[in-house]
């Protein structure tokens, strides 16, 4: 029989990485759920969260998942121009999401809602900030991958890395849907 193809081994290894990342986020979600009412007399999510702004953030990230999927189809068809267009759209939407998230953090901090203020804010900044760090890493990775496409073309190693990037980006979107639901929807109602 022989060893499995490199694409299968790389994909399997990357799924293990994604699952470990999901376990990490699950632990942070659990901490947030326990600490969501531990405001120490400080502001609550209802007082802090700007729902229309969060809706725009969410839209940016979800549409970026679509453009990432279109980029993956372009890579599969080895269409360089379409790959760059959809990668650029994914990058711009991801950067817009990150900009809006940083603006939200800056506004909260300016109003005195800093992580040290309460356990709720500490858990909030940890959860949402961890996701933001992952989005930042994804944007850097996407930039590096587009440079690799420019230099190396659609070699199998580049296609494998782009497949892993797409899995990572879609996983971030799934985590955001959970985060959006737990923090920004359920969190403001309780």
C-alpha atoms as a PDB file:
ATOM      1  CA  UNK A   1       0.000   0.000   0.000  1.00  0.00           C
ATOM      2  CA  UNK A   2       2.613   2.589   0.979  1.00  0.00           C
ATOM      3  CA  UNK A   3       2.330   5.862   2.828  1.00  0.00           C
ATOM      4  CA  UNK A   4      -0.586   8.238   2.438  1.00  0.00           C
ATOM      5  CA  UNK A   5      -0.197  11.113  -0.037  1.00  0.00           C
ATOM      6  CA  UNK A   6       1.348  14.268   1.405  1.00  0.00           C
ATOM      7  CA  UNK A   7      -1.899  16.194   0.834  1.00  0.00           C
ATOM      8  CA  UNK A   8      -3.775  13.747   3.092  1.00  0.00           C
ATOM      9  CA  UNK A   9      -1.093  13.808   5.812  1.00  0.00           C
ATOM     10  CA  UNK A  10      -0.882  17.632   5.763  1.00  0.00           C
ATOM     11  CA  UNK A  11      -4.671  17.944   5.839  1.00  0.00           C
ATOM     12  CA  UNK A  12      -4.963  15.515   8.740  1.00  0.00           C
ATOM     13  CA  UNK A  13      -2.261  17.318  10.706  1.00  0.00           C
ATOM     14  CA  UNK A  14      -3.903  20.643  10.083  1.00  0.00           C
ATOM     15  CA  UNK A  15      -7.276  19.325  11.262  1.00  0.00           C
ATOM     16  CA  UNK A  16      -5.577  18.274  14.511  1.00  0.00           C
ATOM     17  CA  UNK A  17      -4.216  21.823  14.863  1.00  0.00           C
ATOM     18  CA  UNK A  18      -7.678  23.306  14.235  1.00  0.00           C
ATOM     19  CA  UNK A  19      -9.243  20.985  16.796  1.00  0.00           C
ATOM     20  CA  UNK A  20      -6.647  22.017  19.387  1.00  0.00           C
ATOM     21  CA  UNK A  21      -7.463  25.659  18.607  1.00  0.00           C
ATOM     22  CA  UNK A  22     -11.163  24.937  19.078  1.00  0.00           C
ATOM     23  CA  UNK A  23     -10.407  23.288  22.434  1.00  0.00           C
ATOM     24  CA  UNK A  24      -8.526  26.446  23.470  1.00  0.00           C
ATOM     25  CA  UNK A  25     -11.440  28.663  22.416  1.00  0.00           C
ATOM     26  CA  UNK A  26     -13.859  26.339  24.225  1.00  0.00           C
ATOM     27  CA  UNK A  27     -11.938  26.867  27.460  1.00  0.00           C
ATOM     28  CA  UNK A  28     -12.016  30.648  26.975  1.00  0.00           C
ATOM     29  CA  UNK A  29     -15.748  30.470  26.146  1.00  0.00           C
ATOM     30  CA  UNK A  30     -16.328  28.524  29.372  1.00  0.00           C
ATOM     31  CA  UNK A  31     -14.430  31.141  31.386  1.00  0.00           C
ATOM     32  CA  UNK A  32     -16.452  33.903  29.743  1.00  0.00           C
ATOM     33  CA  UNK A  33     -19.732  32.107  30.470  1.00  0.00           C
ATOM     34  CA  UNK A  34     -18.817  31.786  34.142  1.00  0.00           C
ATOM     35  CA  UNK A  35     -17.637  35.408  34.438  1.00  0.00           C
ATOM     36  CA  UNK A  36     -20.240  37.156  32.286  1.00  0.00           C
ATOM     37  CA  UNK A  37     -22.125  38.519  35.318  1.00  0.00           C
ATOM     38  CA  UNK A  38     -18.998  39.284  37.386  1.00  0.00           C
ATOM     39  CA  UNK A  39     -18.994  42.994  36.564  1.00  0.00           C
ATOM     40  CA  UNK A  40     -17.968  44.212  40.058  1.00  0.00           C
ATOM     41  CA  UNK A  41     -20.419  47.089  39.686  1.00  0.00           C
ATOM     42  CA  UNK A  42     -18.880  48.091  36.367  1.00  0.00           C
ATOM     43  CA  UNK A  43     -20.430  48.259  32.920  1.00  0.00           C
ATOM     44  CA  UNK A  44     -22.221  45.273  31.438  1.00  0.00           C
ATOM     45  CA  UNK A  45     -22.305  44.089  27.858  1.00  0.00           C
ATOM     46  CA  UNK A  46     -25.688  45.745  27.385  1.00  0.00           C
ATOM     47  CA  UNK A  47     -24.139  49.080  28.261  1.00  0.00           C
ATOM     48  CA  UNK A  48     -20.987  48.610  26.198  1.00  0.00           C
ATOM     49  CA  UNK A  49     -21.803  46.781  22.984  1.00  0.00           C
ATOM     50  CA  UNK A  50     -22.754  48.667  19.841  1.00  0.00           C
ATOM     51  CA  UNK A  51     -25.040  46.170  18.097  1.00  0.00           C
ATOM     52  CA  UNK A  52     -25.081  47.865  14.656  1.00  0.00           C
ATOM     53  CA  UNK A  53     -21.264  48.024  14.646  1.00  0.00           C
ATOM     54  CA  UNK A  54     -21.028  44.370  15.658  1.00  0.00           C
ATOM     55  CA  UNK A  55     -23.456  43.478  12.853  1.00  0.00           C
ATOM     56  CA  UNK A  56     -21.177  45.212  10.334  1.00  0.00           C
ATOM     57  CA  UNK A  57     -18.138  43.369  11.776  1.00  0.00           C
ATOM     58  CA  UNK A  58     -19.977  40.073  11.489  1.00  0.00           C
ATOM     59  CA  UNK A  59     -21.039  40.788   7.921  1.00  0.00           C
ATOM     60  CA  UNK A  60     -17.444  41.588   6.937  1.00  0.00           C
ATOM     61  CA  UNK A  61     -16.168  38.320   8.389  1.00  0.00           C
ATOM     62  CA  UNK A  62     -18.949  36.159   6.961  1.00  0.00           C
ATOM     63  CA  UNK A  63     -18.611  37.659   3.474  1.00  0.00           C
ATOM     64  CA  UNK A  64     -14.837  37.120   3.731  1.00  0.00           C
ATOM     65  CA  UNK A  65     -15.569  33.425   4.213  1.00  0.00           C
ATOM     66  CA  UNK A  66     -17.444  33.443   0.903  1.00  0.00           C
ATOM     67  CA  UNK A  67     -14.616  35.241  -0.901  1.00  0.00           C
ATOM     68  CA  UNK A  68     -12.129  32.803   0.647  1.00  0.00           C
ATOM     69  CA  UNK A  69     -14.204  29.930  -0.744  1.00  0.00           C
ATOM     70  CA  UNK A  70     -14.196  31.584  -4.172  1.00  0.00           C
ATOM     71  CA  UNK A  71     -10.414  31.953  -3.884  1.00  0.00           C
ATOM     72  CA  UNK A  72     -10.162  28.219  -3.153  1.00  0.00           C
ATOM     73  CA  UNK A  73     -12.180  27.452  -6.288  1.00  0.00           C
ATOM     74  CA  UNK A  74      -9.906  29.737  -8.322  1.00  0.00           C
ATOM     75  CA  UNK A  75      -6.844  27.960  -6.907  1.00  0.00           C
ATOM     76  CA  UNK A  76      -8.360  24.590  -7.861  1.00  0.00           C
ATOM     77  CA  UNK A  77      -8.910  25.868 -11.413  1.00  0.00           C
ATOM     78  CA  UNK A  78      -5.418  27.441 -11.355  1.00  0.00           C
ATOM     79  CA  UNK A  79      -6.744  30.863 -12.318  1.00  0.00           C
ATOM     80  CA  UNK A  80      -4.142  33.266 -10.989  1.00  0.00           C
ATOM     81  CA  UNK A  81      -6.091  36.490 -11.635  1.00  0.00           C
ATOM     82  CA  UNK A  82      -9.228  35.269  -9.895  1.00  0.00           C
ATOM     83  CA  UNK A  83      -7.116  33.907  -7.040  1.00  0.00           C
ATOM     84  CA  UNK A  84      -5.600  37.355  -6.467  1.00  0.00           C
ATOM     85  CA  UNK A  85      -8.945  39.149  -6.745  1.00  0.00           C
ATOM     86  CA  UNK A  86     -10.691  36.901  -4.228  1.00  0.00           C
ATOM     87  CA  UNK A  87      -7.644  36.865  -1.939  1.00  0.00           C
ATOM     88  CA  UNK A  88      -7.595  40.671  -2.002  1.00  0.00           C
ATOM     89  CA  UNK A  89     -11.309  40.791  -1.211  1.00  0.00           C
ATOM     90  CA  UNK A  90     -10.800  38.340   1.660  1.00  0.00           C
ATOM     91  CA  UNK A  91      -7.910  40.425   2.960  1.00  0.00           C
ATOM     92  CA  UNK A  92      -9.814  43.727   2.778  1.00  0.00           C
ATOM     93  CA  UNK A  93     -12.888  42.271   4.502  1.00  0.00           C
ATOM     94  CA  UNK A  94     -10.736  40.645   7.198  1.00  0.00           C
ATOM     95  CA  UNK A  95      -8.817  43.898   7.725  1.00  0.00           C
ATOM     96  CA  UNK A  96     -12.115  45.836   7.945  1.00  0.00           C
ATOM     97  CA  UNK A  97     -13.344  43.370  10.574  1.00  0.00           C
ATOM     98  CA  UNK A  98     -10.116  43.813  12.527  1.00  0.00           C
ATOM     99  CA  UNK A  99     -10.278  47.615  12.248  1.00  0.00           C
ATOM    100  CA  UNK A 100     -13.841  47.638  13.584  1.00  0.00           C
ATOM    101  CA  UNK A 101     -12.893  45.308  16.429  1.00  0.00           C
ATOM    102  CA  UNK A 102      -9.904  47.459  17.407  1.00  0.00           C
ATOM    103  CA  UNK A 103     -12.148  50.543  17.262  1.00  0.00           C
ATOM    104  CA  UNK A 104     -14.616  48.812  19.575  1.00  0.00           C
ATOM    105  CA  UNK A 105     -11.807  47.996  22.028  1.00  0.00           C
ATOM    106  CA  UNK A 106     -10.442  51.555  21.862  1.00  0.00           C
ATOM    107  CA  UNK A 107     -13.884  53.018  22.576  1.00  0.00           C
ATOM    108  CA  UNK A 108     -14.397  50.701  25.519  1.00  0.00           C
ATOM    109  CA  UNK A 109     -10.972  51.477  26.948  1.00  0.00           C
ATOM    110  CA  UNK A 110     -11.518  55.229  26.473  1.00  0.00           C
ATOM    111  CA  UNK A 111     -14.711  54.969  28.542  1.00  0.00           C
ATOM    112  CA  UNK A 112     -12.845  53.171  31.338  1.00  0.00           C
ATOM    113  CA  UNK A 113     -14.020  49.662  30.476  1.00  0.00           C
ATOM    114  CA  UNK A 114     -10.555  48.122  30.679  1.00  0.00           C
ATOM    115  CA  UNK A 115      -9.781  44.433  31.307  1.00  0.00           C
ATOM    116  CA  UNK A 116      -8.691  45.226  34.891  1.00  0.00           C
ATOM    117  CA  UNK A 117     -12.106  46.747  35.720  1.00  0.00           C
ATOM    118  CA  UNK A 118     -13.926  43.439  36.201  1.00  0.00           C
ATOM    119  CA  UNK A 119     -13.734  39.706  35.592  1.00  0.00           C
ATOM    120  CA  UNK A 120     -16.394  40.131  32.900  1.00  0.00           C
ATOM    121  CA  UNK A 121     -14.248  42.629  30.971  1.00  0.00           C
ATOM    122  CA  UNK A 122     -11.143  40.519  31.450  1.00  0.00           C
ATOM    123  CA  UNK A 123     -12.932  37.480  30.006  1.00  0.00           C
ATOM    124  CA  UNK A 124     -14.452  39.574  27.207  1.00  0.00           C
ATOM    125  CA  UNK A 125     -11.126  41.064  26.096  1.00  0.00           C
ATOM    126  CA  UNK A 126      -9.463  37.643  26.306  1.00  0.00           C
ATOM    127  CA  UNK A 127     -12.117  35.903  24.214  1.00  0.00           C
ATOM    128  CA  UNK A 128     -12.659  38.552  21.561  1.00  0.00           C
ATOM    129  CA  UNK A 129      -8.983  39.538  21.555  1.00  0.00           C
ATOM    130  CA  UNK A 130      -7.865  35.937  21.006  1.00  0.00           C
ATOM    131  CA  UNK A 131     -10.106  35.760  17.971  1.00  0.00           C
ATOM    132  CA  UNK A 132      -8.687  39.072  16.727  1.00  0.00           C
ATOM    133  CA  UNK A 133      -5.127  37.757  17.099  1.00  0.00           C
ATOM    134  CA  UNK A 134      -6.111  34.743  15.002  1.00  0.00           C
ATOM    135  CA  UNK A 135      -7.607  36.998  12.318  1.00  0.00           C
ATOM    136  CA  UNK A 136      -4.382  39.035  12.295  1.00  0.00           C
ATOM    137  CA  UNK A 137      -2.345  35.842  11.871  1.00  0.00           C
ATOM    138  CA  UNK A 138      -4.678  34.793   9.048  1.00  0.00           C
ATOM    139  CA  UNK A 139      -4.186  38.106   7.223  1.00  0.00           C
ATOM    140  CA  UNK A 140      -0.406  37.772   7.468  1.00  0.00           C
ATOM    141  CA  UNK A 141      -0.643  34.177   6.276  1.00  0.00           C
ATOM    142  CA  UNK A 142      -2.817  35.207   3.326  1.00  0.00           C
ATOM    143  CA  UNK A 143      -0.284  37.867   2.317  1.00  0.00           C
ATOM    144  CA  UNK A 144       2.550  35.333   2.463  1.00  0.00           C
ATOM    145  CA  UNK A 145       0.508  32.852   0.422  1.00  0.00           C
ATOM    146  CA  UNK A 146      -0.180  35.385  -2.327  1.00  0.00           C
ATOM    147  CA  UNK A 147       3.562  36.061  -2.504  1.00  0.00           C
ATOM    148  CA  UNK A 148       4.125  32.312  -2.838  1.00  0.00           C
ATOM    149  CA  UNK A 149       1.570  32.110  -5.655  1.00  0.00           C
ATOM    150  CA  UNK A 150       3.399  34.967  -7.403  1.00  0.00           C
ATOM    151  CA  UNK A 151       6.789  33.284  -7.065  1.00  0.00           C
ATOM    152  CA  UNK A 152       5.975  29.558  -7.210  1.00  0.00           C
ATOM    153  CA  UNK A 153       2.655  29.429  -9.008  1.00  0.00           C
ATOM    154  CA  UNK A 154       0.214  26.648  -8.221  1.00  0.00           C
ATOM    155  CA  UNK A 155       2.667  23.940  -7.156  1.00  0.00           C
ATOM    156  CA  UNK A 156       1.137  21.200  -5.052  1.00  0.00           C
ATOM    157  CA  UNK A 157       2.876  22.514  -1.906  1.00  0.00           C
ATOM    158  CA  UNK A 158       1.362  25.975  -2.459  1.00  0.00           C
ATOM    159  CA  UNK A 159      -2.086  24.498  -3.092  1.00  0.00           C
ATOM    160  CA  UNK A 160      -1.788  22.463   0.139  1.00  0.00           C
ATOM    161  CA  UNK A 161      -0.908  25.586   2.114  1.00  0.00           C
ATOM    162  CA  UNK A 162      -3.801  27.489   0.552  1.00  0.00           C
ATOM    163  CA  UNK A 163      -6.144  24.630   1.473  1.00  0.00           C
ATOM    164  CA  UNK A 164      -4.909  24.838   5.079  1.00  0.00           C
ATOM    165  CA  UNK A 165      -5.365  28.613   5.056  1.00  0.00           C
ATOM    166  CA  UNK A 166      -8.951  28.234   3.822  1.00  0.00           C
ATOM    167  CA  UNK A 167      -9.697  25.697   6.579  1.00  0.00           C
ATOM    168  CA  UNK A 168      -8.232  28.104   9.147  1.00  0.00           C
ATOM    169  CA  UNK A 169     -10.211  31.076   7.835  1.00  0.00           C
ATOM    170  CA  UNK A 170     -13.492  29.157   7.786  1.00  0.00           C
ATOM    171  CA  UNK A 171     -12.815  27.885  11.327  1.00  0.00           C
ATOM    172  CA  UNK A 172     -12.356  31.508  12.446  1.00  0.00           C
ATOM    173  CA  UNK A 173     -15.734  32.336  10.957  1.00  0.00           C
ATOM    174  CA  UNK A 174     -17.375  29.445  12.783  1.00  0.00           C
ATOM    175  CA  UNK A 175     -15.761  30.533  16.053  1.00  0.00           C
ATOM    176  CA  UNK A 176     -16.980  34.091  15.414  1.00  0.00           C
ATOM    177  CA  UNK A 177     -20.559  32.869  14.941  1.00  0.00           C
ATOM    178  CA  UNK A 178     -20.339  31.153  18.343  1.00  0.00           C
ATOM    179  CA  UNK A 179     -18.704  34.246  19.846  1.00  0.00           C
ATOM    180  CA  UNK A 180     -21.252  36.603  18.297  1.00  0.00           C
ATOM    181  CA  UNK A 181     -24.083  34.467  19.648  1.00  0.00           C
ATOM    182  CA  UNK A 182     -22.704  33.966  23.168  1.00  0.00           C
ATOM    183  CA  UNK A 183     -21.296  37.459  23.717  1.00  0.00           C
ATOM    184  CA  UNK A 184     -23.230  39.916  21.601  1.00  0.00           C
ATOM    185  CA  UNK A 185     -26.681  38.293  21.351  1.00  0.00           C
ATOM    186  CA  UNK A 186     -27.249  36.201  24.471  1.00  0.00           C
ATOM    187  CA  UNK A 187     -24.891  38.335  26.546  1.00  0.00           C
ATOM    188  CA  UNK A 188     -26.894  41.530  26.135  1.00  0.00           C
ATOM    189  CA  UNK A 189     -30.215  39.858  26.922  1.00  0.00           C
ATOM    190  CA  UNK A 190     -29.255  38.357  30.257  1.00  0.00           C
END
